Amino acid sequence: MCHPFFFRGRSIDYASVIEKVERLAAGGESDPGVVSVDKVIRIVDLSTGERRTYTLTAPDKAKPHYGFISIFSPLGSALLSSRVGDVVEVVVMGFERKVRIIYVQ
């Protein structure tokens, strides 16, 4: 079974993701606390306390079972351009999950 953060049936606002990538490329990516492509991100699920570590990747490099998530996945698109300490909402199949970003490298 696929982890709920990676449900493939959810529509993604591709324009929003591309806009975030363009902003990061224009200078925000140099900030070490900002989530961008190829960075390691540690999050905590605020409803369960579960901690997970992911690497945000381009879609062709995504391997969710190994912790490499696409910027176009529900979790990846929600995390992109966020900062350490931010609480990010991820909506999957009508359920809202909140995660806090606790580490970015």
N, C-alpha and C. Protein backbone atom coordinates (compact mmCIF):
# COMPACT_ATOMS: atom_id res chain seq x y z
N MET A 1 0.84 -1.19 0.00
CA MET A 1 0.00 0.00 0.00
C MET A 1 0.88 1.24 0.00
N CYS A 2 0.47 2.22 -0.72
CA CYS A 2 1.23 3.46 -0.84
C CYS A 2 1.00 4.34 0.38
N HIS A 3 2.07 4.95 0.87
CA HIS A 3 1.97 5.86 2.01
C HIS A 3 1.05 7.02 1.60
N PRO A 4 0.19 7.51 2.51
CA PRO A 4 -0.78 8.54 2.14
C PRO A 4 -0.18 9.84 1.63
N PHE A 5 1.07 10.13 1.99
CA PHE A 5 1.69 11.35 1.48
C PHE A 5 2.00 11.25 -0.01
N PHE A 6 1.93 10.04 -0.57
CA PHE A 6 2.34 9.84 -1.95
C PHE A 6 1.19 9.36 -2.82
N PHE A 7 -0.05 9.51 -2.37
CA PHE A 7 -1.21 9.05 -3.14
C PHE A 7 -1.19 9.65 -4.53
N ARG A 8 -1.25 8.81 -5.56
CA ARG A 8 -1.09 9.26 -6.93
C ARG A 8 -2.35 9.89 -7.52
N GLY A 9 -3.50 9.71 -6.92
CA GLY A 9 -4.73 10.22 -7.49
C GLY A 9 -5.02 11.68 -7.22
N ARG A 10 -4.26 12.30 -6.36
CA ARG A 10 -4.49 13.70 -6.00
C ARG A 10 -3.97 14.61 -7.10
N SER A 11 -4.78 15.57 -7.45
CA SER A 11 -4.31 16.52 -8.46
C SER A 11 -3.36 17.52 -7.83
N ILE A 12 -2.34 17.88 -8.58
CA ILE A 12 -1.31 18.81 -8.10
C ILE A 12 -1.44 20.10 -8.89
N ASP A 13 -1.26 21.21 -8.23
CA ASP A 13 -1.24 22.50 -8.90
C ASP A 13 0.18 22.70 -9.44
N TYR A 14 0.40 22.21 -10.66
CA TYR A 14 1.74 22.24 -11.25
C TYR A 14 2.26 23.67 -11.39
N ALA A 15 1.41 24.60 -11.73
CA ALA A 15 1.83 26.00 -11.88
C ALA A 15 2.41 26.54 -10.58
N SER A 16 1.79 26.18 -9.46
CA SER A 16 2.26 26.63 -8.16
C SER A 16 3.64 26.04 -7.85
N VAL A 17 3.83 24.77 -8.16
CA VAL A 17 5.12 24.13 -7.91
C VAL A 17 6.20 24.77 -8.78
N ILE A 18 5.90 24.99 -10.05
CA ILE A 18 6.87 25.61 -10.95
C ILE A 18 7.21 27.02 -10.49
N GLU A 19 6.22 27.76 -10.01
CA GLU A 19 6.47 29.11 -9.50
C GLU A 19 7.42 29.06 -8.30
N LYS A 20 7.22 28.10 -7.40
CA LYS A 20 8.11 27.96 -6.25
C LYS A 20 9.53 27.64 -6.70
N VAL A 21 9.67 26.73 -7.67
CA VAL A 21 11.00 26.37 -8.18
C VAL A 21 11.69 27.58 -8.80
N GLU A 22 10.93 28.36 -9.56
CA GLU A 22 11.51 29.56 -10.18
C GLU A 22 11.97 30.57 -9.13
N ARG A 23 11.18 30.76 -8.06
CA ARG A 23 11.57 31.68 -6.99
C ARG A 23 12.85 31.20 -6.31
N LEU A 24 12.92 29.88 -6.06
CA LEU A 24 14.11 29.33 -5.43
C LEU A 24 15.34 29.51 -6.32
N ALA A 25 15.16 29.28 -7.61
CA ALA A 25 16.28 29.44 -8.56
C ALA A 25 16.74 30.89 -8.65
N ALA A 26 15.84 31.82 -8.36
CA ALA A 26 16.18 33.24 -8.45
C ALA A 26 16.93 33.74 -7.22
N GLY A 27 17.19 32.86 -6.25
CA GLY A 27 17.99 33.31 -5.12
C GLY A 27 17.63 32.74 -3.78
N GLY A 28 16.43 32.23 -3.59
CA GLY A 28 16.04 31.71 -2.28
C GLY A 28 16.69 30.40 -1.93
N GLU A 29 17.25 29.70 -2.92
CA GLU A 29 17.83 28.39 -2.68
C GLU A 29 19.11 28.45 -1.86
N SER A 30 19.76 29.60 -1.82
CA SER A 30 21.00 29.72 -1.07
C SER A 30 20.77 29.71 0.43
N ASP A 31 19.57 29.97 0.89
CA ASP A 31 19.25 29.93 2.31
C ASP A 31 19.22 28.47 2.76
N PRO A 32 20.10 28.08 3.69
CA PRO A 32 20.19 26.68 4.09
C PRO A 32 18.95 26.15 4.80
N GLY A 33 18.09 27.00 5.31
CA GLY A 33 16.90 26.55 6.01
C GLY A 33 15.66 26.42 5.14
N VAL A 34 15.80 26.66 3.83
CA VAL A 34 14.67 26.61 2.91
C VAL A 34 14.65 25.26 2.19
N VAL A 35 13.49 24.65 2.12
CA VAL A 35 13.34 23.36 1.44
C VAL A 35 13.38 23.58 -0.07
N SER A 36 14.30 22.88 -0.73
CA SER A 36 14.40 22.94 -2.19
C SER A 36 14.84 21.57 -2.70
N VAL A 37 14.96 21.46 -4.00
CA VAL A 37 15.31 20.18 -4.63
C VAL A 37 16.69 19.72 -4.16
N ASP A 38 16.80 18.42 -3.92
CA ASP A 38 18.03 17.74 -3.49
C ASP A 38 18.45 18.05 -2.06
N LYS A 39 17.55 18.60 -1.27
CA LYS A 39 17.86 18.80 0.15
C LYS A 39 17.20 17.71 0.98
N VAL A 40 17.86 17.38 2.10
CA VAL A 40 17.33 16.40 3.05
C VAL A 40 16.44 17.15 4.02
N ILE A 41 15.22 16.63 4.22
CA ILE A 41 14.24 17.29 5.08
C ILE A 41 13.78 16.30 6.14
N ARG A 42 13.76 16.73 7.38
CA ARG A 42 13.22 15.90 8.47
C ARG A 42 11.95 16.58 8.94
N ILE A 43 10.87 15.79 9.04
CA ILE A 43 9.58 16.33 9.47
C ILE A 43 9.04 15.49 10.62
N VAL A 44 8.11 16.10 11.34
CA VAL A 44 7.37 15.38 12.37
C VAL A 44 5.89 15.57 12.05
N ASP A 45 5.15 14.46 12.03
CA ASP A 45 3.70 14.50 11.83
C ASP A 45 3.09 14.94 13.15
N LEU A 46 2.38 16.05 13.14
CA LEU A 46 1.86 16.62 14.40
C LEU A 46 0.73 15.81 15.00
N SER A 47 0.07 14.97 14.23
CA SER A 47 -1.01 14.17 14.80
C SER A 47 -0.51 12.85 15.39
N THR A 48 0.61 12.33 14.91
CA THR A 48 1.10 11.04 15.39
C THR A 48 2.44 11.14 16.12
N GLY A 49 3.17 12.22 15.91
CA GLY A 49 4.50 12.36 16.49
C GLY A 49 5.58 11.62 15.70
N GLU A 50 5.19 10.95 14.63
CA GLU A 50 6.14 10.20 13.82
C GLU A 50 7.10 11.15 13.10
N ARG A 51 8.38 10.80 13.12
CA ARG A 51 9.39 11.59 12.44
C ARG A 51 9.87 10.81 11.21
N ARG A 52 10.04 11.54 10.12
CA ARG A 52 10.52 10.93 8.87
C ARG A 52 11.52 11.86 8.21
N THR A 53 12.41 11.25 7.45
CA THR A 53 13.40 12.00 6.70
C THR A 53 13.21 11.72 5.22
N TYR A 54 13.22 12.78 4.42
CA TYR A 54 13.03 12.67 2.98
C TYR A 54 14.06 13.53 2.26
N THR A 55 14.25 13.21 0.99
CA THR A 55 15.01 14.07 0.09
C THR A 55 14.07 14.47 -1.02
N LEU A 56 13.95 15.75 -1.26
CA LEU A 56 13.07 16.27 -2.31
C LEU A 56 13.80 16.17 -3.64
N THR A 57 13.14 15.56 -4.66
CA THR A 57 13.80 15.31 -5.93
C THR A 57 12.94 15.73 -7.12
N ALA A 58 13.58 15.70 -8.28
CA ALA A 58 12.85 15.84 -9.54
C ALA A 58 12.00 14.58 -9.71
N PRO A 59 10.90 14.68 -10.45
CA PRO A 59 10.00 13.52 -10.60
C PRO A 59 10.66 12.24 -11.10
N ASP A 60 11.62 12.35 -11.99
CA ASP A 60 12.25 11.15 -12.55
C ASP A 60 13.21 10.46 -11.58
N LYS A 61 13.52 11.09 -10.46
CA LYS A 61 14.43 10.50 -9.47
C LYS A 61 13.70 10.05 -8.21
N ALA A 62 12.38 10.21 -8.19
CA ALA A 62 11.60 9.88 -6.99
C ALA A 62 11.56 8.37 -6.74
N LYS A 63 11.78 8.02 -5.49
CA LYS A 63 11.66 6.65 -5.01
C LYS A 63 11.11 6.73 -3.59
N PRO A 64 9.79 6.92 -3.45
CA PRO A 64 9.20 7.18 -2.14
C PRO A 64 9.55 6.15 -1.07
N HIS A 65 9.66 4.89 -1.44
CA HIS A 65 9.98 3.86 -0.45
C HIS A 65 11.39 3.99 0.11
N TYR A 66 12.24 4.74 -0.59
CA TYR A 66 13.60 4.99 -0.13
C TYR A 66 13.77 6.41 0.41
N GLY A 67 12.67 7.16 0.51
CA GLY A 67 12.72 8.50 1.07
C GLY A 67 12.98 9.61 0.07
N PHE A 68 12.99 9.30 -1.22
CA PHE A 68 13.19 10.31 -2.26
C PHE A 68 11.83 10.66 -2.85
N ILE A 69 11.33 11.86 -2.55
CA ILE A 69 9.98 12.23 -2.98
C ILE A 69 10.02 13.35 -4.02
N SER A 70 9.11 13.26 -4.96
CA SER A 70 9.02 14.21 -6.05
C SER A 70 8.47 15.55 -5.56
N ILE A 71 8.92 16.61 -6.21
CA ILE A 71 8.37 17.93 -5.91
C ILE A 71 6.91 18.02 -6.35
N PHE A 72 6.46 17.06 -7.17
CA PHE A 72 5.06 17.05 -7.63
C PHE A 72 4.19 16.09 -6.82
N SER A 73 4.75 15.43 -5.80
CA SER A 73 3.92 14.61 -4.90
C SER A 73 3.18 15.54 -3.96
N PRO A 74 2.10 15.08 -3.33
CA PRO A 74 1.39 15.94 -2.38
C PRO A 74 2.30 16.50 -1.28
N LEU A 75 3.13 15.65 -0.69
CA LEU A 75 4.02 16.13 0.36
C LEU A 75 5.12 17.02 -0.20
N GLY A 76 5.72 16.61 -1.30
CA GLY A 76 6.80 17.38 -1.90
C GLY A 76 6.36 18.78 -2.30
N SER A 77 5.21 18.88 -2.94
CA SER A 77 4.73 20.20 -3.37
C SER A 77 4.37 21.08 -2.17
N ALA A 78 3.90 20.46 -1.09
CA ALA A 78 3.57 21.22 0.12
C ALA A 78 4.84 21.72 0.83
N LEU A 79 5.88 20.89 0.85
CA LEU A 79 7.12 21.25 1.54
C LEU A 79 7.97 22.25 0.77
N LEU A 80 7.93 22.20 -0.53
CA LEU A 80 8.80 23.01 -1.37
C LEU A 80 8.72 24.49 -1.00
N SER A 81 9.83 25.11 -0.75
CA SER A 81 10.05 26.52 -0.41
C SER A 81 9.63 26.87 1.02
N SER A 82 9.31 25.87 1.83
CA SER A 82 9.03 26.12 3.25
C SER A 82 10.35 26.21 4.01
N ARG A 83 10.26 26.56 5.28
CA ARG A 83 11.46 26.74 6.11
C ARG A 83 11.40 25.89 7.37
N VAL A 84 12.56 25.71 7.98
CA VAL A 84 12.64 25.02 9.26
C VAL A 84 11.71 25.72 10.24
N GLY A 85 10.90 24.95 10.94
CA GLY A 85 9.95 25.49 11.91
C GLY A 85 8.55 25.68 11.36
N ASP A 86 8.41 25.74 10.04
CA ASP A 86 7.08 25.90 9.43
C ASP A 86 6.22 24.67 9.65
N VAL A 87 4.93 24.91 9.84
CA VAL A 87 3.94 23.83 9.86
C VAL A 87 3.28 23.83 8.49
N VAL A 88 3.32 22.68 7.84
CA VAL A 88 2.83 22.55 6.48
C VAL A 88 1.62 21.62 6.49
N GLU A 89 0.58 22.05 5.79
CA GLU A 89 -0.62 21.22 5.66
C GLU A 89 -0.56 20.44 4.35
N VAL A 90 -0.86 19.15 4.44
CA VAL A 90 -0.90 18.28 3.27
C VAL A 90 -2.29 17.67 3.23
N VAL A 91 -2.99 17.85 2.12
CA VAL A 91 -4.33 17.28 1.96
C VAL A 91 -4.25 16.12 0.99
N VAL A 92 -4.64 14.94 1.47
CA VAL A 92 -4.63 13.74 0.65
C VAL A 92 -5.96 13.01 0.84
N MET A 93 -6.65 12.79 -0.26
CA MET A 93 -7.94 12.09 -0.23
C MET A 93 -8.91 12.75 0.74
N GLY A 94 -8.87 14.06 0.83
CA GLY A 94 -9.78 14.79 1.69
C GLY A 94 -9.35 14.87 3.15
N PHE A 95 -8.25 14.24 3.51
CA PHE A 95 -7.76 14.27 4.88
C PHE A 95 -6.59 15.23 4.97
N GLU A 96 -6.63 16.08 5.98
CA GLU A 96 -5.56 17.04 6.18
C GLU A 96 -4.58 16.50 7.20
N ARG A 97 -3.29 16.56 6.84
CA ARG A 97 -2.23 16.19 7.77
C ARG A 97 -1.37 17.43 7.96
N LYS A 98 -0.89 17.63 9.16
CA LYS A 98 0.01 18.75 9.44
C LYS A 98 1.35 18.19 9.88
N VAL A 99 2.40 18.72 9.26
CA VAL A 99 3.75 18.31 9.62
C VAL A 99 4.58 19.56 9.88
N ARG A 100 5.53 19.42 10.79
CA ARG A 100 6.45 20.52 11.09
C ARG A 100 7.81 20.14 10.52
N ILE A 101 8.44 21.11 9.87
CA ILE A 101 9.78 20.89 9.33
C ILE A 101 10.76 21.15 10.47
N ILE A 102 11.55 20.12 10.80
CA ILE A 102 12.46 20.27 11.94
C ILE A 102 13.93 20.31 11.52
N TYR A 103 14.22 20.00 10.24
CA TYR A 103 15.60 19.97 9.80
C TYR A 103 15.65 20.06 8.29
N VAL A 104 16.56 20.87 7.76
CA VAL A 104 16.80 20.95 6.30
C VAL A 104 18.30 21.02 6.10
N GLN A 105 18.82 20.18 5.22
CA GLN A 105 20.25 20.23 4.92
C GLN A 105 20.45 20.04 3.41
